[in-house]
Amino acid sequence: MTKSVNLSTHLSASELKASYTSSSDAVESRRYHLLWLVSQGYQLTQAAQVVGYNYNYAYKVVRRYNEEGVEGVKNGRKSLCPPGRKGLLDEQQLADLSQQIQSPPEDGGLWTGPKVARWIEKVTGQEKVWNQRGWDYLKKIEYSWQRPRPRHEKANIQAQEEFKKTPRTKAHSRSPISES
């Protein structure tokens, strides 16, 4: 027989339910769900099973809520993640890159990841920019160096154009079973 757990009244049952349904963080939402179920009279083992927690973790969640209130329910892992790294190019430099790729590169040919990486090195003054970053920025500005399919050297272009202009007739399908 499990002992019953007392829940502090930091939030009412309706406020716990509202927090559970409106939370955008999945961890916090499950914790509020557990607390709401306990406030509705569920035993801790039943509530933990409904939310997918084991008993020990559910007990820790309830204990932290009783001691710290709403702060004890918050997801602490969010504060552990460092902020994202700053990009190599700012918005103005990105616009300059999209303008730059409209003309061919200095050595001719097509713009590639390594060529864009060298351009980024010149513009930003960075010592080394990996070739992959150049490719990433080409994708970011939606650059595509796709070319039309090559034409066969013996192709009759006039016949192909006439073929495109002729209307197509639908083939009538016949039933494979003949009627007698």
N, C-alpha and C. Protein backbone atom coordinates (compact mmCIF):
# COMPACT_ATOMS: atom_id res chain seq x y z
N MET A 1 0.85 -1.18 0.00
CA MET A 1 0.00 0.00 0.00
C MET A 1 0.90 1.24 0.00
N THR A 2 0.67 2.13 -0.93
CA THR A 2 1.47 3.35 -1.00
C THR A 2 0.87 4.41 -0.10
N LYS A 3 1.75 5.20 0.46
CA LYS A 3 1.24 6.27 1.31
C LYS A 3 0.76 7.43 0.45
N SER A 4 -0.19 8.16 0.92
CA SER A 4 -0.73 9.28 0.15
C SER A 4 0.23 10.46 0.23
N VAL A 5 0.18 11.26 -0.79
CA VAL A 5 1.07 12.41 -0.90
C VAL A 5 0.23 13.67 -0.75
N ASN A 6 0.70 14.58 0.06
CA ASN A 6 0.02 15.87 0.22
C ASN A 6 0.64 16.87 -0.73
N LEU A 7 -0.21 17.64 -1.36
CA LEU A 7 0.23 18.63 -2.34
C LEU A 7 0.00 20.02 -1.76
N SER A 8 1.04 20.84 -1.78
CA SER A 8 0.90 22.22 -1.31
C SER A 8 -0.04 22.99 -2.23
N THR A 9 -0.59 24.06 -1.71
CA THR A 9 -1.57 24.83 -2.48
C THR A 9 -0.94 26.06 -3.11
N HIS A 10 0.20 25.87 -3.80
CA HIS A 10 0.80 26.99 -4.53
C HIS A 10 -0.13 27.41 -5.67
N LEU A 11 -0.71 26.42 -6.33
CA LEU A 11 -1.66 26.67 -7.41
C LEU A 11 -2.90 25.82 -7.17
N SER A 12 -4.05 26.32 -7.57
CA SER A 12 -5.28 25.54 -7.45
C SER A 12 -5.30 24.46 -8.52
N ALA A 13 -6.24 23.53 -8.41
CA ALA A 13 -6.35 22.45 -9.39
C ALA A 13 -6.62 22.99 -10.78
N SER A 14 -7.45 24.02 -10.89
CA SER A 14 -7.75 24.58 -12.22
C SER A 14 -6.52 25.29 -12.79
N GLU A 15 -5.72 25.93 -11.94
CA GLU A 15 -4.50 26.58 -12.41
C GLU A 15 -3.46 25.54 -12.85
N LEU A 16 -3.39 24.41 -12.13
CA LEU A 16 -2.48 23.33 -12.53
C LEU A 16 -2.89 22.78 -13.90
N LYS A 17 -4.21 22.60 -14.10
CA LYS A 17 -4.68 22.09 -15.38
C LYS A 17 -4.39 23.09 -16.50
N ALA A 18 -4.61 24.37 -16.23
CA ALA A 18 -4.33 25.40 -17.23
C ALA A 18 -2.84 25.43 -17.57
N SER A 19 -1.99 25.28 -16.56
CA SER A 19 -0.55 25.25 -16.81
C SER A 19 -0.18 24.02 -17.62
N TYR A 20 -0.83 22.91 -17.32
CA TYR A 20 -0.56 21.66 -18.03
C TYR A 20 -0.94 21.77 -19.50
N THR A 21 -2.09 22.35 -19.79
CA THR A 21 -2.56 22.43 -21.17
C THR A 21 -1.89 23.54 -21.98
N SER A 22 -1.41 24.58 -21.31
CA SER A 22 -0.86 25.72 -22.06
C SER A 22 0.66 25.74 -22.12
N SER A 23 1.33 24.86 -21.41
CA SER A 23 2.80 24.87 -21.39
C SER A 23 3.35 24.46 -22.75
N SER A 24 4.34 25.21 -23.23
CA SER A 24 4.95 24.88 -24.51
C SER A 24 6.12 23.93 -24.35
N ASP A 25 6.61 23.77 -23.14
CA ASP A 25 7.71 22.85 -22.87
C ASP A 25 7.14 21.50 -22.48
N ALA A 26 7.57 20.42 -23.15
CA ALA A 26 7.01 19.09 -22.93
C ALA A 26 7.29 18.59 -21.52
N VAL A 27 8.48 18.87 -20.99
CA VAL A 27 8.85 18.41 -19.64
C VAL A 27 7.96 19.07 -18.60
N GLU A 28 7.83 20.39 -18.70
CA GLU A 28 6.99 21.11 -17.74
C GLU A 28 5.53 20.68 -17.86
N SER A 29 5.08 20.45 -19.08
CA SER A 29 3.69 20.04 -19.28
C SER A 29 3.41 18.71 -18.58
N ARG A 30 4.32 17.74 -18.71
CA ARG A 30 4.13 16.45 -18.05
C ARG A 30 4.17 16.60 -16.54
N ARG A 31 5.03 17.46 -16.04
CA ARG A 31 5.10 17.67 -14.59
C ARG A 31 3.81 18.29 -14.07
N TYR A 32 3.29 19.29 -14.78
CA TYR A 32 2.02 19.90 -14.37
C TYR A 32 0.88 18.88 -14.47
N HIS A 33 0.94 18.01 -15.48
CA HIS A 33 -0.07 16.98 -15.63
C HIS A 33 -0.06 16.06 -14.41
N LEU A 34 1.14 15.66 -13.99
CA LEU A 34 1.27 14.81 -12.80
C LEU A 34 0.69 15.51 -11.57
N LEU A 35 1.05 16.77 -11.39
CA LEU A 35 0.56 17.52 -10.23
C LEU A 35 -0.95 17.69 -10.28
N TRP A 36 -1.48 17.92 -11.46
CA TRP A 36 -2.93 18.09 -11.59
C TRP A 36 -3.65 16.80 -11.24
N LEU A 37 -3.12 15.67 -11.71
CA LEU A 37 -3.74 14.38 -11.39
C LEU A 37 -3.71 14.11 -9.89
N VAL A 38 -2.60 14.43 -9.25
CA VAL A 38 -2.50 14.24 -7.80
C VAL A 38 -3.51 15.15 -7.09
N SER A 39 -3.68 16.38 -7.60
CA SER A 39 -4.64 17.29 -6.98
C SER A 39 -6.08 16.81 -7.17
N GLN A 40 -6.32 15.97 -8.18
CA GLN A 40 -7.65 15.43 -8.44
C GLN A 40 -7.96 14.19 -7.60
N GLY A 41 -6.98 13.75 -6.80
CA GLY A 41 -7.22 12.62 -5.92
C GLY A 41 -6.57 11.32 -6.36
N TYR A 42 -5.85 11.34 -7.47
CA TYR A 42 -5.12 10.14 -7.89
C TYR A 42 -4.01 9.85 -6.89
N GLN A 43 -3.73 8.57 -6.66
CA GLN A 43 -2.55 8.22 -5.88
C GLN A 43 -1.33 8.49 -6.75
N LEU A 44 -0.20 8.70 -6.11
CA LEU A 44 1.00 9.07 -6.85
C LEU A 44 1.42 7.97 -7.82
N THR A 45 1.26 6.71 -7.44
CA THR A 45 1.63 5.62 -8.36
C THR A 45 0.75 5.62 -9.60
N GLN A 46 -0.54 5.89 -9.43
CA GLN A 46 -1.46 5.93 -10.58
C GLN A 46 -1.14 7.13 -11.48
N ALA A 47 -0.93 8.28 -10.87
CA ALA A 47 -0.63 9.49 -11.65
C ALA A 47 0.68 9.34 -12.40
N ALA A 48 1.69 8.74 -11.74
CA ALA A 48 2.98 8.54 -12.39
C ALA A 48 2.84 7.60 -13.58
N GLN A 49 2.03 6.59 -13.43
CA GLN A 49 1.83 5.63 -14.52
C GLN A 49 1.12 6.29 -15.70
N VAL A 50 0.16 7.15 -15.42
CA VAL A 50 -0.58 7.84 -16.49
C VAL A 50 0.36 8.73 -17.29
N VAL A 51 1.26 9.45 -16.60
CA VAL A 51 2.14 10.39 -17.28
C VAL A 51 3.40 9.73 -17.84
N GLY A 52 3.69 8.51 -17.38
CA GLY A 52 4.86 7.82 -17.89
C GLY A 52 6.10 8.03 -17.06
N TYR A 53 5.95 8.38 -15.79
CA TYR A 53 7.08 8.54 -14.88
C TYR A 53 7.15 7.33 -13.96
N ASN A 54 8.35 7.06 -13.42
CA ASN A 54 8.42 6.05 -12.37
C ASN A 54 8.09 6.72 -11.04
N TYR A 55 7.84 5.92 -10.03
CA TYR A 55 7.35 6.45 -8.76
C TYR A 55 8.37 7.40 -8.13
N ASN A 56 9.66 7.02 -8.14
CA ASN A 56 10.67 7.85 -7.48
C ASN A 56 10.78 9.24 -8.10
N TYR A 57 10.76 9.30 -9.44
CA TYR A 57 10.85 10.60 -10.10
C TYR A 57 9.59 11.43 -9.84
N ALA A 58 8.43 10.77 -9.86
CA ALA A 58 7.19 11.49 -9.59
C ALA A 58 7.20 12.06 -8.17
N TYR A 59 7.74 11.29 -7.24
CA TYR A 59 7.82 11.76 -5.86
C TYR A 59 8.74 12.99 -5.77
N LYS A 60 9.86 12.97 -6.53
CA LYS A 60 10.77 14.13 -6.54
C LYS A 60 10.08 15.36 -7.11
N VAL A 61 9.27 15.18 -8.14
CA VAL A 61 8.56 16.31 -8.74
C VAL A 61 7.60 16.92 -7.73
N VAL A 62 6.85 16.07 -7.04
CA VAL A 62 5.89 16.56 -6.04
C VAL A 62 6.63 17.24 -4.89
N ARG A 63 7.73 16.63 -4.44
CA ARG A 63 8.49 17.22 -3.33
C ARG A 63 9.06 18.60 -3.72
N ARG A 64 9.61 18.71 -4.95
CA ARG A 64 10.15 19.99 -5.39
C ARG A 64 9.04 21.04 -5.52
N TYR A 65 7.87 20.62 -5.99
CA TYR A 65 6.74 21.55 -6.10
C TYR A 65 6.32 22.03 -4.71
N ASN A 66 6.27 21.11 -3.75
CA ASN A 66 5.88 21.49 -2.39
C ASN A 66 6.89 22.45 -1.77
N GLU A 67 8.19 22.25 -2.04
CA GLU A 67 9.23 23.09 -1.44
C GLU A 67 9.41 24.42 -2.17
N GLU A 68 9.44 24.38 -3.51
CA GLU A 68 9.80 25.57 -4.28
C GLU A 68 8.63 26.22 -5.02
N GLY A 69 7.51 25.56 -5.08
CA GLY A 69 6.38 26.11 -5.80
C GLY A 69 6.54 25.94 -7.30
N VAL A 70 6.12 26.93 -8.05
CA VAL A 70 6.15 26.88 -9.52
C VAL A 70 7.59 26.78 -10.03
N GLU A 71 8.55 27.37 -9.33
CA GLU A 71 9.95 27.30 -9.75
C GLU A 71 10.47 25.87 -9.75
N GLY A 72 9.93 25.02 -8.89
CA GLY A 72 10.35 23.63 -8.82
C GLY A 72 9.86 22.79 -9.98
N VAL A 73 8.87 23.29 -10.70
CA VAL A 73 8.31 22.54 -11.83
C VAL A 73 9.05 22.87 -13.12
N LYS A 74 9.71 24.00 -13.19
CA LYS A 74 10.35 24.46 -14.42
C LYS A 74 11.44 23.50 -14.88
N ASN A 75 11.64 23.47 -16.18
CA ASN A 75 12.65 22.62 -16.82
C ASN A 75 14.00 23.29 -16.68
N GLY A 76 14.88 22.74 -15.85
CA GLY A 76 16.19 23.33 -15.62
C GLY A 76 17.16 23.11 -16.76
N ARG A 77 16.86 22.17 -17.65
CA ARG A 77 17.78 21.90 -18.76
C ARG A 77 17.83 23.06 -19.76
N LYS A 78 16.81 23.88 -19.79
CA LYS A 78 16.81 25.00 -20.72
C LYS A 78 17.94 25.97 -20.39
N SER A 79 18.20 26.17 -19.11
CA SER A 79 19.23 27.12 -18.72
C SER A 79 20.64 26.55 -18.90
N LEU A 80 20.77 25.23 -19.07
CA LEU A 80 22.08 24.62 -19.25
C LEU A 80 22.60 24.78 -20.66
N CYS A 81 21.71 24.94 -21.63
CA CYS A 81 22.12 25.03 -23.03
C CYS A 81 22.74 26.40 -23.29
N PRO A 82 23.93 26.44 -23.87
CA PRO A 82 24.51 27.75 -24.19
C PRO A 82 23.77 28.36 -25.38
N PRO A 83 23.77 29.66 -25.49
CA PRO A 83 23.10 30.29 -26.63
C PRO A 83 23.80 29.90 -27.92
N GLY A 84 23.07 29.94 -29.03
CA GLY A 84 23.63 29.55 -30.32
C GLY A 84 24.77 30.45 -30.75
N ARG A 85 25.63 29.89 -31.59
CA ARG A 85 26.76 30.68 -32.08
C ARG A 85 26.28 31.71 -33.09
N LYS A 86 27.01 32.80 -33.14
CA LYS A 86 26.70 33.85 -34.09
C LYS A 86 27.16 33.39 -35.47
N GLY A 87 26.41 33.71 -36.50
CA GLY A 87 26.77 33.32 -37.86
C GLY A 87 28.01 34.03 -38.35
N LEU A 88 28.58 33.50 -39.40
CA LEU A 88 29.78 34.12 -39.98
C LEU A 88 29.45 35.45 -40.65
N LEU A 89 28.29 35.53 -41.29
CA LEU A 89 27.90 36.73 -42.02
C LEU A 89 26.69 37.38 -41.37
N ASP A 90 26.69 38.70 -41.30
CA ASP A 90 25.49 39.40 -40.83
C ASP A 90 24.56 39.60 -42.03
N GLU A 91 23.45 40.27 -41.79
CA GLU A 91 22.44 40.43 -42.85
C GLU A 91 22.98 41.20 -44.06
N GLN A 92 23.76 42.24 -43.81
CA GLN A 92 24.31 43.04 -44.91
C GLN A 92 25.29 42.22 -45.73
N GLN A 93 26.17 41.47 -45.06
CA GLN A 93 27.14 40.65 -45.78
C GLN A 93 26.44 39.53 -46.56
N LEU A 94 25.35 39.01 -46.01
CA LEU A 94 24.58 37.98 -46.71
C LEU A 94 23.96 38.55 -47.98
N ALA A 95 23.46 39.79 -47.89
CA ALA A 95 22.91 40.45 -49.07
C ALA A 95 24.02 40.71 -50.10
N ASP A 96 25.22 41.08 -49.62
CA ASP A 96 26.35 41.27 -50.52
C ASP A 96 26.72 39.97 -51.23
N LEU A 97 26.65 38.85 -50.50
CA LEU A 97 26.96 37.56 -51.11
C LEU A 97 25.95 37.22 -52.19
N SER A 98 24.66 37.45 -51.93
CA SER A 98 23.67 37.15 -52.97
C SER A 98 23.87 38.04 -54.19
N GLN A 99 24.33 39.26 -53.98
CA GLN A 99 24.63 40.15 -55.10
C GLN A 99 25.89 39.67 -55.83
N GLN A 100 26.88 39.21 -55.09
CA GLN A 100 28.15 38.79 -55.66
C GLN A 100 28.00 37.55 -56.54
N ILE A 101 27.14 36.62 -56.16
CA ILE A 101 27.02 35.38 -56.95
C ILE A 101 26.24 35.58 -58.24
N GLN A 102 25.71 36.77 -58.46
CA GLN A 102 25.05 37.04 -59.73
C GLN A 102 26.06 37.11 -60.86
N SER A 103 27.31 37.46 -60.53
CA SER A 103 28.37 37.48 -61.54
C SER A 103 29.29 36.29 -61.29
N PRO A 104 30.02 35.86 -62.34
CA PRO A 104 30.89 34.69 -62.14
C PRO A 104 32.02 34.99 -61.16
N PRO A 105 32.56 33.96 -60.51
CA PRO A 105 33.67 34.18 -59.58
C PRO A 105 34.93 34.64 -60.32
N GLU A 106 35.92 35.10 -59.55
CA GLU A 106 37.13 35.66 -60.15
C GLU A 106 37.86 34.66 -61.03
N ASP A 107 37.87 33.39 -60.62
CA ASP A 107 38.59 32.39 -61.39
C ASP A 107 37.72 31.73 -62.46
N GLY A 108 36.51 32.23 -62.67
CA GLY A 108 35.61 31.68 -63.67
C GLY A 108 34.88 30.47 -63.11
N GLY A 109 34.12 29.82 -63.95
CA GLY A 109 33.38 28.65 -63.53
C GLY A 109 32.13 29.02 -62.76
N LEU A 110 31.76 28.14 -61.84
CA LEU A 110 30.56 28.33 -61.04
C LEU A 110 30.93 28.57 -59.58
N TRP A 111 29.99 29.18 -58.86
CA TRP A 111 30.21 29.38 -57.43
C TRP A 111 30.05 28.03 -56.73
N THR A 112 31.03 27.68 -55.91
CA THR A 112 31.00 26.44 -55.15
C THR A 112 31.23 26.77 -53.68
N GLY A 113 31.07 25.77 -52.83
CA GLY A 113 31.30 25.96 -51.40
C GLY A 113 32.68 26.50 -51.09
N PRO A 114 33.75 25.92 -51.64
CA PRO A 114 35.09 26.44 -51.36
C PRO A 114 35.28 27.88 -51.84
N LYS A 115 34.71 28.22 -53.00
CA LYS A 115 34.86 29.60 -53.49
C LYS A 115 34.14 30.59 -52.59
N VAL A 116 32.96 30.21 -52.11
CA VAL A 116 32.23 31.10 -51.19
C VAL A 116 32.98 31.19 -49.86
N ALA A 117 33.58 30.09 -49.41
CA ALA A 117 34.34 30.12 -48.16
C ALA A 117 35.52 31.08 -48.28
N ARG A 118 36.21 31.09 -49.42
CA ARG A 118 37.33 32.03 -49.62
C ARG A 118 36.80 33.47 -49.64
N TRP A 119 35.63 33.68 -50.26
CA TRP A 119 35.03 35.02 -50.29
C TRP A 119 34.70 35.48 -48.87
N ILE A 120 34.17 34.57 -48.06
CA ILE A 120 33.83 34.90 -46.67
C ILE A 120 35.09 35.26 -45.90
N GLU A 121 36.19 34.52 -46.14
CA GLU A 121 37.46 34.84 -45.47
C GLU A 121 37.91 36.26 -45.80
N LYS A 122 37.77 36.65 -47.08
CA LYS A 122 38.18 38.00 -47.48
C LYS A 122 37.31 39.06 -46.82
N VAL A 123 36.00 38.84 -46.83
CA VAL A 123 35.06 39.86 -46.35
C VAL A 123 35.12 40.00 -44.83
N THR A 124 35.19 38.88 -44.12
CA THR A 124 35.14 38.95 -42.66
C THR A 124 36.52 39.05 -42.02
N GLY A 125 37.57 38.72 -42.76
CA GLY A 125 38.91 38.75 -42.18
C GLY A 125 39.23 37.53 -41.34
N GLN A 126 38.38 36.52 -41.41
CA GLN A 126 38.63 35.28 -40.67
C GLN A 126 39.82 34.57 -41.29
N GLU A 127 40.57 33.89 -40.44
CA GLU A 127 41.75 33.18 -40.93
C GLU A 127 41.37 31.94 -41.73
N LYS A 128 40.41 31.15 -41.24
CA LYS A 128 40.03 29.92 -41.91
C LYS A 128 38.52 29.76 -41.85
N VAL A 129 37.90 29.57 -42.99
CA VAL A 129 36.48 29.24 -43.08
C VAL A 129 36.40 27.92 -43.82
N TRP A 130 35.78 26.94 -43.21
CA TRP A 130 35.70 25.62 -43.81
C TRP A 130 34.83 25.67 -45.06
N ASN A 131 35.18 24.80 -46.02
CA ASN A 131 34.45 24.75 -47.29
C ASN A 131 32.97 24.45 -47.09
N GLN A 132 32.64 23.64 -46.09
CA GLN A 132 31.24 23.30 -45.83
C GLN A 132 30.44 24.55 -45.48
N ARG A 133 31.05 25.51 -44.76
CA ARG A 133 30.33 26.74 -44.42
C ARG A 133 29.98 27.51 -45.68
N GLY A 134 30.86 27.49 -46.68
CA GLY A 134 30.55 28.14 -47.95
C GLY A 134 29.34 27.51 -48.60
N TRP A 135 29.29 26.18 -48.58
CA TRP A 135 28.14 25.47 -49.15
C TRP A 135 26.88 25.80 -48.35
N ASP A 136 27.00 25.86 -47.02
CA ASP A 136 25.85 26.19 -46.19
C ASP A 136 25.28 27.56 -46.55
N TYR A 137 26.16 28.52 -46.79
CA TYR A 137 25.68 29.86 -47.14
C TYR A 137 25.09 29.89 -48.55
N LEU A 138 25.60 29.06 -49.45
CA LEU A 138 24.97 28.97 -50.78
C LEU A 138 23.55 28.44 -50.65
N LYS A 139 23.35 27.45 -49.80
CA LYS A 139 22.01 26.92 -49.59
C LYS A 139 21.12 27.95 -48.90
N LYS A 140 21.72 28.71 -47.98
CA LYS A 140 20.94 29.70 -47.23
C LYS A 140 20.36 30.77 -48.15
N ILE A 141 21.12 31.16 -49.17
CA ILE A 141 20.61 32.18 -50.10
C ILE A 141 19.90 31.53 -51.28
N GLU A 142 19.67 30.20 -51.19
CA GLU A 142 18.92 29.44 -52.18
C GLU A 142 19.55 29.50 -53.57
N TYR A 143 20.88 29.42 -53.60
CA TYR A 143 21.61 29.39 -54.86
C TYR A 143 21.60 27.98 -55.41
N SER A 144 21.36 27.86 -56.69
CA SER A 144 21.36 26.56 -57.33
C SER A 144 22.07 26.68 -58.67
N TRP A 145 23.07 25.85 -58.89
CA TRP A 145 23.75 25.91 -60.18
C TRP A 145 23.31 24.78 -61.08
N GLN A 146 22.01 24.53 -61.05
CA GLN A 146 21.45 23.54 -61.96
C GLN A 146 21.44 24.09 -63.37
N ARG A 147 21.68 23.21 -64.31
CA ARG A 147 21.68 23.59 -65.72
C ARG A 147 20.63 22.78 -66.45
N PRO A 148 20.15 23.25 -67.60
CA PRO A 148 19.20 22.44 -68.35
C PRO A 148 19.89 21.17 -68.85
N ARG A 149 19.08 20.16 -69.12
CA ARG A 149 19.64 18.91 -69.63
C ARG A 149 20.35 19.17 -70.95
N PRO A 150 21.45 18.49 -71.17
CA PRO A 150 22.13 18.67 -72.46
C PRO A 150 21.31 18.06 -73.60
N ARG A 151 21.40 18.67 -74.76
CA ARG A 151 20.69 18.17 -75.93
C ARG A 151 21.61 17.24 -76.71
N HIS A 152 21.01 16.25 -77.29
CA HIS A 152 21.80 15.34 -78.12
C HIS A 152 22.24 16.08 -79.36
N GLU A 153 23.46 15.81 -79.81
CA GLU A 153 23.98 16.56 -80.95
C GLU A 153 23.26 16.25 -82.26
N LYS A 154 22.63 15.09 -82.36
CA LYS A 154 21.91 14.73 -83.59
C LYS A 154 20.40 14.97 -83.48
N ALA A 155 19.99 15.67 -82.42
CA ALA A 155 18.55 15.88 -82.21
C ALA A 155 17.98 16.82 -83.27
N ASN A 156 16.76 16.52 -83.70
CA ASN A 156 16.06 17.36 -84.66
C ASN A 156 15.17 18.30 -83.86
N ILE A 157 15.62 19.50 -83.63
CA ILE A 157 14.93 20.47 -82.78
C ILE A 157 13.59 20.87 -83.38
N GLN A 158 13.54 21.02 -84.69
CA GLN A 158 12.30 21.41 -85.35
C GLN A 158 11.23 20.33 -85.16
N ALA A 159 11.59 19.07 -85.31
CA ALA A 159 10.63 17.97 -85.13
C ALA A 159 10.17 17.91 -83.67
N GLN A 160 11.04 18.21 -82.74
CA GLN A 160 10.65 18.20 -81.33
C GLN A 160 9.65 19.30 -81.04
N GLU A 161 9.87 20.47 -81.59
CA GLU A 161 8.94 21.58 -81.37
C GLU A 161 7.58 21.29 -81.99
N GLU A 162 7.56 20.68 -83.17
CA GLU A 162 6.29 20.32 -83.81
C GLU A 162 5.56 19.27 -82.99
N PHE A 163 6.30 18.33 -82.43
CA PHE A 163 5.70 17.29 -81.60
C PHE A 163 5.04 17.89 -80.37
N LYS A 164 5.66 18.91 -79.78
CA LYS A 164 5.09 19.56 -78.60
C LYS A 164 3.78 20.27 -78.94
N LYS A 165 3.65 20.74 -80.18
CA LYS A 165 2.47 21.52 -80.57
C LYS A 165 1.28 20.64 -80.94
N THR A 166 1.51 19.39 -81.32
CA THR A 166 0.40 18.53 -81.76
C THR A 166 -0.41 18.08 -80.56
N PRO A 167 -1.75 18.12 -80.71
CA PRO A 167 -2.59 17.69 -79.59
C PRO A 167 -2.53 16.17 -79.41
N ARG A 168 -2.64 15.75 -78.19
CA ARG A 168 -2.60 14.32 -77.87
C ARG A 168 -4.03 13.78 -77.85
N THR A 169 -4.20 12.60 -78.35
CA THR A 169 -5.50 11.95 -78.27
C THR A 169 -5.41 10.85 -77.23
N LYS A 170 -6.48 10.70 -76.48
CA LYS A 170 -6.49 9.69 -75.44
C LYS A 170 -6.78 8.33 -76.07
N ALA A 171 -6.09 7.34 -75.60
CA ALA A 171 -6.34 5.98 -76.06
C ALA A 171 -7.55 5.45 -75.31
N HIS A 172 -8.48 4.83 -76.03
CA HIS A 172 -9.66 4.28 -75.39
C HIS A 172 -9.31 2.92 -74.83
N SER A 173 -9.62 2.73 -73.58
CA SER A 173 -9.32 1.43 -72.99
C SER A 173 -10.49 0.50 -73.26
N ARG A 174 -10.18 -0.71 -73.59
CA ARG A 174 -11.21 -1.71 -73.84
C ARG A 174 -11.15 -2.73 -72.72
N SER A 175 -12.28 -3.25 -72.40
CA SER A 175 -12.35 -4.26 -71.35
C SER A 175 -11.70 -5.54 -71.86
N PRO A 176 -10.86 -6.18 -71.05
CA PRO A 176 -10.23 -7.42 -71.51
C PRO A 176 -11.23 -8.56 -71.66
N ILE A 177 -12.39 -8.45 -71.02
CA ILE A 177 -13.41 -9.49 -71.11
C ILE A 177 -14.36 -9.13 -72.25
N SER A 178 -14.49 -10.00 -73.22
CA SER A 178 -15.39 -9.72 -74.33
C SER A 178 -16.80 -10.14 -73.97
N GLU A 179 -17.72 -9.32 -74.36
CA GLU A 179 -19.12 -9.61 -74.06
C GLU A 179 -19.71 -10.46 -75.20
N SER A 180 -20.51 -11.47 -74.88
CA SER A 180 -21.10 -12.31 -75.91
C SER A 180 -22.56 -12.04 -76.08
